Protein backbone atom coordinates (compact mmCIF):
# COMPACT_ATOMS: atom_id res chain seq x y z
CA MET A 1 182.31 81.66 146.26
CA THR A 2 182.81 80.24 149.43
CA ASN A 3 180.43 80.30 151.83
CA PRO A 4 181.28 78.98 155.53
CA MET A 5 177.08 78.23 156.21
CA ASN A 6 176.68 76.21 153.76
CA SER A 7 178.72 72.84 152.83
CA ARG A 8 177.42 72.02 149.45
CA SER A 9 179.82 71.83 146.51
CA ARG A 10 177.31 73.45 144.82
CA ALA A 11 177.81 76.85 145.54
CA ALA A 12 176.24 80.07 143.34
CA ARG A 13 178.13 82.22 141.53
CA TRP A 14 176.49 85.65 142.01
CA THR A 15 177.71 89.07 140.55
CA GLY A 16 176.40 92.62 142.30
CA LEU A 17 172.72 91.53 143.57
CA ALA A 18 172.84 94.02 146.10
CA GLY A 19 173.26 96.55 143.04
CA ALA A 20 170.65 94.80 141.22
CA GLY A 21 168.14 95.15 144.06
CA ALA A 22 168.28 98.85 144.95
CA ALA A 23 165.34 101.27 144.28
CA LEU A 24 166.53 104.60 143.12
CA VAL A 25 167.00 106.57 146.86
CA ALA A 26 166.07 110.00 145.22
CA VAL A 27 165.81 111.38 141.79
CA CYS A 28 168.01 114.05 142.07
CA ALA A 29 171.09 112.37 142.53
CA THR A 30 173.93 113.03 141.08
CA THR A 31 175.79 109.31 141.26
CA ALA A 32 174.60 105.93 140.47
CA PRO A 33 172.03 104.87 142.68
CA ALA A 34 172.54 103.50 146.44
CA PHE A 35 173.77 99.65 146.54
CA ALA A 36 176.28 99.84 144.51
CA ALA A 37 177.67 96.43 142.64
CA THR A 38 181.10 95.32 143.34
CA THR A 39 183.59 94.44 141.17
CA ALA A 40 183.67 91.06 140.74
CA THR A 41 183.60 89.55 137.48
CA ARG A 42 181.23 87.70 136.03
CA PRO A 43 181.93 83.74 135.04
CA SER A 44 181.50 81.27 132.55
CA PRO A 45 179.40 78.45 132.51
CA VAL A 46 181.11 75.58 133.84
CA GLY A 47 180.26 71.60 133.86
CA SER A 48 179.19 70.25 130.68
CA ALA A 49 175.62 68.43 132.37
CA LEU A 50 172.97 70.58 134.12
CA HIS A 51 170.71 69.53 137.31
CA GLY A 52 168.00 69.96 138.88
CA PRO A 53 168.64 71.83 142.17
CA ALA A 54 169.69 70.42 145.44
CA PRO A 55 167.86 70.01 148.65
CA VAL A 56 167.32 72.60 150.44
CA ASP A 57 170.49 73.23 152.62
CA ARG A 58 167.46 74.20 155.73
CA GLN A 59 170.47 73.97 158.85
CA ALA A 60 172.27 77.23 156.38
CA LEU A 61 168.93 78.64 156.46
CA ALA A 62 168.20 78.68 159.44
CA ARG A 63 171.29 80.35 160.51
CA LEU A 64 170.37 82.88 157.80
CA MET A 65 167.12 83.92 159.15
CA ALA A 66 168.33 84.19 162.87
CA PRO A 67 167.75 88.46 163.53
CA ASP A 68 171.27 89.36 163.28
CA ASP A 69 173.01 92.89 162.28
CA VAL A 70 171.70 92.63 158.85
CA ALA A 71 168.33 91.75 159.41
CA ASN A 72 166.08 91.90 162.22
CA GLY A 73 162.94 89.54 161.40
CA THR A 74 163.60 87.64 157.85
CA MET A 75 160.36 85.88 155.67
CA VAL A 76 161.32 82.81 153.05
CA ARG A 77 159.56 80.65 151.06
CA ILE A 78 160.96 78.13 148.51
CA THR A 79 158.61 76.14 146.49
CA GLY A 80 159.00 73.29 144.00
CA PRO A 81 158.73 69.41 143.81
CA GLY A 82 159.29 67.96 146.99
CA VAL A 83 159.99 71.46 148.97
CA HIS A 84 157.56 73.58 150.34
CA LEU A 85 158.30 75.63 152.88
CA THR A 86 157.62 79.12 154.19
CA GLU A 87 159.37 80.15 157.39
CA THR A 88 159.32 83.81 159.00
CA THR A 89 161.70 85.05 162.27
CA GLY A 90 161.59 88.30 164.38
CA GLN A 91 159.34 90.58 164.32
CA LEU A 92 157.11 89.68 160.77
CA SER A 93 154.30 88.85 160.42
CA ARG A 94 153.50 84.66 160.57
CA ASP A 95 150.93 85.45 157.85
CA PRO A 96 152.10 83.63 154.71
CA ALA A 97 150.08 85.78 152.71
CA ALA A 98 151.09 89.16 154.41
CA TYR A 99 152.01 92.01 152.16
CA PHE A 100 155.33 93.98 151.59
CA ARG A 101 156.31 96.88 149.68
CA ILE A 102 158.76 94.61 146.63
CA GLY A 103 160.62 97.42 145.62
CA SER A 104 163.11 96.72 141.82
CA ILE A 105 161.32 93.18 141.55
CA THR A 106 158.53 95.74 140.29
CA LYS A 107 160.54 95.51 137.32
CA LEU A 108 160.12 91.78 136.17
CA PHE A 109 155.84 92.92 135.76
CA THR A 110 157.59 96.26 133.66
CA SER A 111 159.43 93.88 131.20
CA THR A 112 156.62 91.45 131.11
CA VAL A 113 153.89 93.67 130.16
CA VAL A 114 156.92 95.27 127.43
CA LEU A 115 157.83 91.50 126.09
CA GLN A 116 154.08 91.13 125.76
CA LEU A 117 153.23 94.08 123.39
CA VAL A 118 156.61 93.09 121.14
CA GLY A 119 154.70 89.80 121.07
CA GLU A 120 151.70 91.47 119.96
CA GLY A 121 153.70 93.69 117.12
CA ARG A 122 152.92 96.89 118.57
CA PHE A 123 156.44 97.27 118.28
CA ALA A 124 160.27 96.30 117.99
CA MET A 125 162.84 95.15 120.35
CA ASP A 126 165.03 97.42 118.48
CA THR A 127 162.34 100.33 118.18
CA PRO A 128 163.68 103.71 119.34
CA VAL A 129 161.99 104.54 122.34
CA GLN A 130 161.87 107.94 120.41
CA GLU A 131 159.18 106.68 118.02
CA ILE A 132 157.14 105.69 120.45
CA LEU A 133 157.38 108.56 122.77
CA PRO A 134 158.26 111.65 120.57
CA GLY A 135 159.28 115.05 122.07
CA THR A 136 159.96 112.67 125.26
CA LEU A 137 163.84 112.92 124.83
CA PRO A 138 166.09 115.55 123.66
CA ALA A 139 166.04 115.62 119.82
CA GLY A 140 170.11 115.60 120.34
CA TRP A 141 170.57 112.04 121.89
CA ALA A 142 171.65 108.71 120.26
CA PRO A 143 168.79 106.51 119.35
CA ILE A 144 167.93 104.03 122.41
CA THR A 145 165.57 101.25 121.75
CA VAL A 146 163.20 98.83 124.04
CA ARG A 147 166.01 96.47 124.19
CA GLN A 148 168.61 98.92 125.77
CA LEU A 149 165.77 100.09 127.81
CA LEU A 150 165.03 96.60 129.52
CA SER A 151 168.88 94.95 129.28
CA HIS A 152 170.23 98.24 131.23
CA THR A 153 172.37 99.23 127.94
CA SER A 154 170.52 102.12 127.33
CA GLY A 155 173.72 104.18 128.58
CA LEU A 156 171.73 106.64 130.53
CA GLY A 157 172.32 108.56 133.35
CA MET A 158 170.49 110.10 136.58
CA PRO A 159 168.81 112.87 137.05
CA CYS A 160 171.34 116.08 137.87
CA VAL A 161 167.92 118.39 139.12
CA ALA A 162 165.50 117.65 141.45
CA PRO A 163 161.79 117.08 140.21
CA GLU A 164 158.77 118.92 140.46
CA ASN A 165 157.45 117.99 143.66
CA PRO A 166 160.47 115.97 144.64
CA GLY A 167 158.46 113.68 147.89
CA SER A 168 155.85 112.37 145.05
CA PRO A 169 156.68 112.96 141.61
CA THR A 170 155.18 111.90 138.61
CA PRO A 171 156.32 109.56 136.22
CA ALA A 172 156.58 112.45 133.57
CA ALA A 173 158.48 114.37 136.48
CA VAL A 174 161.21 112.19 136.80
CA VAL A 175 161.81 111.85 133.29
CA ALA A 176 162.14 115.33 132.74
CA ALA A 177 164.18 115.85 135.61
CA LEU A 178 166.42 113.28 134.01
CA THR A 179 166.51 114.94 130.66
CA ASP A 180 166.83 118.90 132.19
CA PRO A 181 169.35 120.67 129.79
CA LYS A 182 171.68 120.56 132.37
CA CYS A 183 171.91 116.87 132.60
CA PRO A 184 174.61 115.18 130.20
CA ALA A 185 173.58 113.11 127.47
CA PRO A 186 173.52 109.16 127.91
CA GLN A 187 176.87 107.90 126.56
CA SER A 188 177.36 107.19 123.25
CA PRO A 189 178.17 104.82 122.09
CA VAL A 190 177.11 102.80 125.20
CA THR A 191 180.12 100.34 126.50
CA VAL A 192 178.85 99.17 130.04
CA GLN A 193 175.58 97.39 130.65
CA GLN A 194 174.73 100.00 134.31
CA TYR A 195 171.27 98.91 136.00
CA ASN A 196 169.63 102.32 136.30
CA GLY A 197 166.01 102.51 137.24
CA MET A 198 165.26 105.11 134.92
CA ASN A 199 165.30 102.76 131.87
CA TYR A 200 161.94 101.62 133.34
CA PHE A 201 160.19 104.79 134.11
CA LEU A 202 160.60 104.92 130.24
CA LEU A 203 159.13 101.56 129.53
CA GLY A 204 156.52 102.64 131.88
CA LEU A 205 155.34 105.60 129.91
CA VAL A 206 156.00 103.33 126.68
CA VAL A 207 153.48 100.95 128.07
CA GLU A 208 150.87 103.71 128.56
CA LYS A 209 151.77 105.42 125.17
CA THR A 210 151.15 102.53 123.41
CA THR A 211 147.67 100.48 125.19
CA GLY A 212 146.23 104.08 125.95
CA HIS A 213 145.91 102.95 129.33
CA GLN A 214 147.61 103.60 132.74
CA TYR A 215 150.80 101.74 133.64
CA ALA A 216 148.54 99.66 136.72
CA ASP A 217 145.51 98.82 134.69
CA GLU A 218 147.88 96.89 131.77
CA VAL A 219 149.65 94.60 134.76
CA GLN A 220 146.58 94.06 136.65
CA ARG A 221 145.19 93.08 132.85
CA ARG A 222 147.58 91.25 131.53
CA VAL A 223 149.04 89.91 134.65
CA ALA A 224 147.86 89.61 137.94
CA ARG A 225 144.54 89.00 137.04
CA PRO A 226 145.24 86.39 134.38
CA LEU A 227 147.81 84.64 137.32
CA GLY A 228 145.22 85.10 139.90
CA LEU A 229 147.68 87.10 141.93
CA ARG A 230 145.03 89.30 144.04
CA HIS A 231 147.48 90.22 146.16
CA THR A 232 149.96 92.73 143.83
CA TYR A 233 149.07 95.70 142.62
CA LEU A 234 150.68 99.28 142.01
CA PRO A 235 149.18 102.17 145.20
CA ARG A 236 147.75 104.93 143.31
CA PRO A 237 149.38 108.22 143.47
CA GLY A 238 149.50 109.68 147.05
CA ASP A 239 148.78 105.75 148.82
CA THR A 240 150.81 105.72 151.35
CA SER A 241 149.63 102.23 152.99
CA VAL A 242 150.05 98.75 153.16
CA PRO A 243 147.06 96.52 153.25
CA SER A 244 146.80 94.62 155.96
CA PRO A 245 148.46 92.23 156.97
CA SER A 246 151.57 93.67 156.63
CA LEU A 247 154.41 91.81 156.69
CA ALA A 248 156.41 94.31 158.93
CA ALA A 249 155.25 97.31 160.77
CA PRO A 250 153.70 99.64 158.04
CA VAL A 251 155.94 102.52 157.11
CA PRO A 252 153.96 104.92 155.00
CA ASP A 253 156.26 105.75 151.78
CA ASP A 254 154.81 107.00 148.52
CA PRO A 255 154.76 104.61 145.15
CA TRP A 256 156.11 107.35 143.12
CA ALA A 257 158.68 104.55 142.20
CA TRP A 258 155.92 103.29 139.69
CA ALA A 259 156.99 100.72 137.27
CA GLU A 260 160.56 101.19 138.64
CA GLY A 261 159.67 100.23 142.10
CA GLY A 262 156.35 101.18 143.29
CA MET A 263 154.31 97.93 143.58
CA ILE A 264 152.96 95.86 146.51
CA SER A 265 152.54 92.37 146.89
CA ASN A 266 153.05 88.86 148.94
CA ALA A 267 155.31 86.04 148.95
CA PRO A 268 152.56 83.31 147.06
CA ASP A 269 151.83 85.65 144.39
CA LEU A 270 155.18 86.38 144.04
CA ASP A 271 156.20 82.76 143.58
CA ARG A 272 153.24 82.02 140.95
CA PHE A 273 153.99 84.86 138.82
CA LEU A 274 157.96 83.78 138.72
CA ARG A 275 156.57 80.62 138.25
CA ALA A 276 154.72 81.36 135.50
CA LEU A 277 157.18 83.96 133.88
CA LEU A 278 160.00 81.13 133.97
CA GLY A 279 157.90 78.41 132.32
CA GLY A 280 156.47 80.28 129.37
CA ARG A 281 153.08 81.53 130.30
CA LEU A 282 152.81 84.92 129.76
CA LEU A 283 155.18 85.41 127.18
CA ALA A 284 155.16 84.05 123.67
CA PRO A 285 158.47 81.74 122.82
CA ALA A 286 160.01 84.65 120.91
CA GLN A 287 160.29 86.63 123.73
CA GLN A 288 160.15 83.92 126.42
CA ALA A 289 163.83 83.24 125.11
CA GLU A 290 164.77 87.09 125.12
CA LEU A 291 164.79 86.42 129.04
CA PHE A 292 167.53 83.87 128.99
CA ARG A 293 169.54 86.03 125.78
CA MET A 294 171.96 87.71 127.20
CA PRO A 295 173.58 91.19 125.92
CA ALA A 296 176.88 91.39 125.22
CA LEU A 297 177.78 94.07 127.54
CA SER A 298 176.85 91.81 130.50
CA ALA A 299 179.93 89.51 130.36
CA THR A 300 181.77 92.42 132.35
CA ALA A 301 178.87 94.05 133.76
CA LYS A 302 178.96 94.32 137.61
CA VAL A 303 174.99 93.32 137.60
CA PRO A 304 174.43 91.07 134.25
CA PHE A 305 170.68 91.56 133.22
CA SER A 306 169.44 89.80 130.43
CA MET A 307 167.91 91.04 127.54
CA GLY A 308 164.36 91.05 128.98
CA GLY A 309 165.54 92.27 132.37
CA LEU A 310 166.45 89.28 134.97
CA VAL A 311 169.64 88.53 136.74
CA ARG A 312 171.19 85.53 135.76
CA GLY A 313 173.36 83.84 137.90
CA GLU A 314 174.91 80.32 137.79
CA LEU A 315 175.66 77.54 140.21
CA ASP A 316 178.76 75.53 139.90
CA ASP A 317 177.55 72.97 137.80
CA GLY A 318 176.58 75.67 134.84
CA THR A 319 172.96 75.42 136.23
CA PRO A 320 171.59 79.13 135.56
CA VAL A 321 168.98 80.89 138.48
CA TRP A 322 167.15 83.78 137.44
CA GLY A 323 165.56 86.57 139.15
CA LYS A 324 165.52 90.35 141.11
CA THR A 325 166.46 91.54 144.09
CA GLY A 326 164.49 95.02 144.84
CA SER A 327 164.42 97.35 148.64
CA LYS A 328 162.25 99.67 149.85
CA ALA A 329 161.06 101.38 152.49
CA GLY A 330 163.57 99.40 155.67
CA GLY A 331 162.48 95.94 153.61
CA VAL A 332 165.04 93.81 151.24
CA ASN A 333 163.69 91.24 148.98
CA GLY A 334 164.43 88.36 146.36
CA LEU A 335 163.03 86.43 144.00
CA PHE A 336 164.79 83.93 141.75
CA GLY A 337 163.93 80.58 140.27
CA THR A 338 165.29 77.82 137.82
CA GLN A 339 165.22 78.52 134.62
CA ASP A 340 162.45 76.12 134.30
CA GLY A 341 160.39 78.08 137.21
CA LYS A 342 159.99 74.46 139.23
CA ARG A 343 162.04 75.54 142.21
CA VAL A 344 161.60 79.21 143.20
CA LEU A 345 162.70 81.10 146.28
CA VAL A 346 160.99 84.40 147.93
CA TYR A 347 162.75 85.89 151.17
CA SER A 348 162.29 89.86 152.41
CA TYR A 349 163.64 90.69 155.09
CA THR A 350 163.90 94.00 157.62
CA ALA A 351 167.60 95.60 157.22
CA VAL A 352 169.38 96.50 159.87
CA GLY A 353 171.66 99.54 158.36
CA ASP A 354 172.13 99.80 154.69
CA ASP A 355 175.48 97.34 154.22
CA ALA A 356 175.48 96.74 150.54
CA ASP A 357 177.98 94.09 151.01
CA ARG A 358 176.06 92.45 153.91
CA GLN A 359 172.89 92.38 151.85
CA ARG A 360 174.63 91.07 149.00
CA ARG A 361 176.41 88.14 150.68
CA ARG A 362 172.71 87.71 152.70
CA ALA A 363 171.03 87.32 149.00
CA GLU A 364 174.07 84.83 147.96
CA ASP A 365 173.48 82.98 150.76
CA PHE A 366 169.77 82.82 150.42
CA ILE A 367 170.18 81.39 147.10
CA GLU A 368 173.20 79.01 147.71
CA ALA A 369 170.65 77.47 150.53
CA ALA A 370 167.42 77.51 148.67
CA PHE A 371 169.25 76.19 145.16
C-alpha cells in the first residue's frame, strides 16, 4: 500500500479495517453492518526474517492528528521500548485517562473470557453452541461451533425483524430477532469469513450460561480486576452516561451492544489489556495459540480474523500486527500491537461523517506511523 504521508518502506498491509470496526448500527437491519470492507485480497507473508517495529513516524502522526475532513479531534497513545507518547488534538480532553466508548473492541474482552473457559475445560472450541445454549437457535439450523463464532466463520446473517424494545434491546431480544422464523438460516456449508456482531451476542450468552454469572461481572473478575483496569467496564442496562473526564463531549448512548460493542474504557487500560493479552498473561498456551491461528477462510476474507477474534495485518517484512477497531456514538477507535505485545497503539477520534473508506485509510495510516 502506498502512503504519501509515510516515507518508510515498511508500509503496513491491511484489509478492511473499517469493516472490522463497525458496531452494529441497527439490529433490525437486513444487510451487512455499516462500514463494509473493501474487496482487496489479503496478502501472503513476505520476507524471511521478522523484525521489531520501526521508530514512530512522528511527522506522519502529527499530520494525521490535525483536524480535517475525517476527524475533528484525535487522541493517540503509543507505548513500547523506547517510546511512550500520548498526544491529543482538537476539542478532545487532554487528560490521558479520559474515558470513551470502545465499540467493537469490546469483542476482544469477550473472546478472552471465552478462551479462558475453553482452557478450563468448560467446553471446547469445536463444541456446538446448540449444546451450550439448548433451545436458543432453531432446531433446523446446522451446528455452529464456538470456534466459528469467535472467528466470524459461523455463516450467521443479520436480524430481519426489529427486536423487542429496539432502542434498548436485551441480548436475548437481539438473538430472538436473529432467529425469527422470517429470517433466513445461516449459510451452510460456510464459504466465507464474514464479520458479524451477532456472533458475539451468542458468545456473551455462552459466558453467562457456562458461568452462571452476568457477562459484565465475568469480564471484571477474569480480566479487568487482575490487570488493574480500573476504568474499564460494561455499563448496566439503561446507563447512557460516560464518566468524567470523557475524551469527547459525552453523547447519551445505550449500552445495548453488550458483549459485541458496549464497553467503556480509556487508553492506558486498553494498552495494558492488549499488552497482557498478546504477551500471554491471560490465556493458557493452547488458547494463546488460537489468537494467532488463521482459519482457512481468512485467506480470501475481506476482513481476516484469527481463531481468537483478532484482526491480522502484516508489515512489508512479514511482521504481523494484531488488534481490533471499534466505533460507537461518533467515536472511532483502534487498538493494535506487535505479536509479542511490546509495542501497542491506541487511538480514538471524533469522526466527521461516516465515510468508511476514509476511516479505513486513516486506520492504515495510524498503523504505519506507529509501527
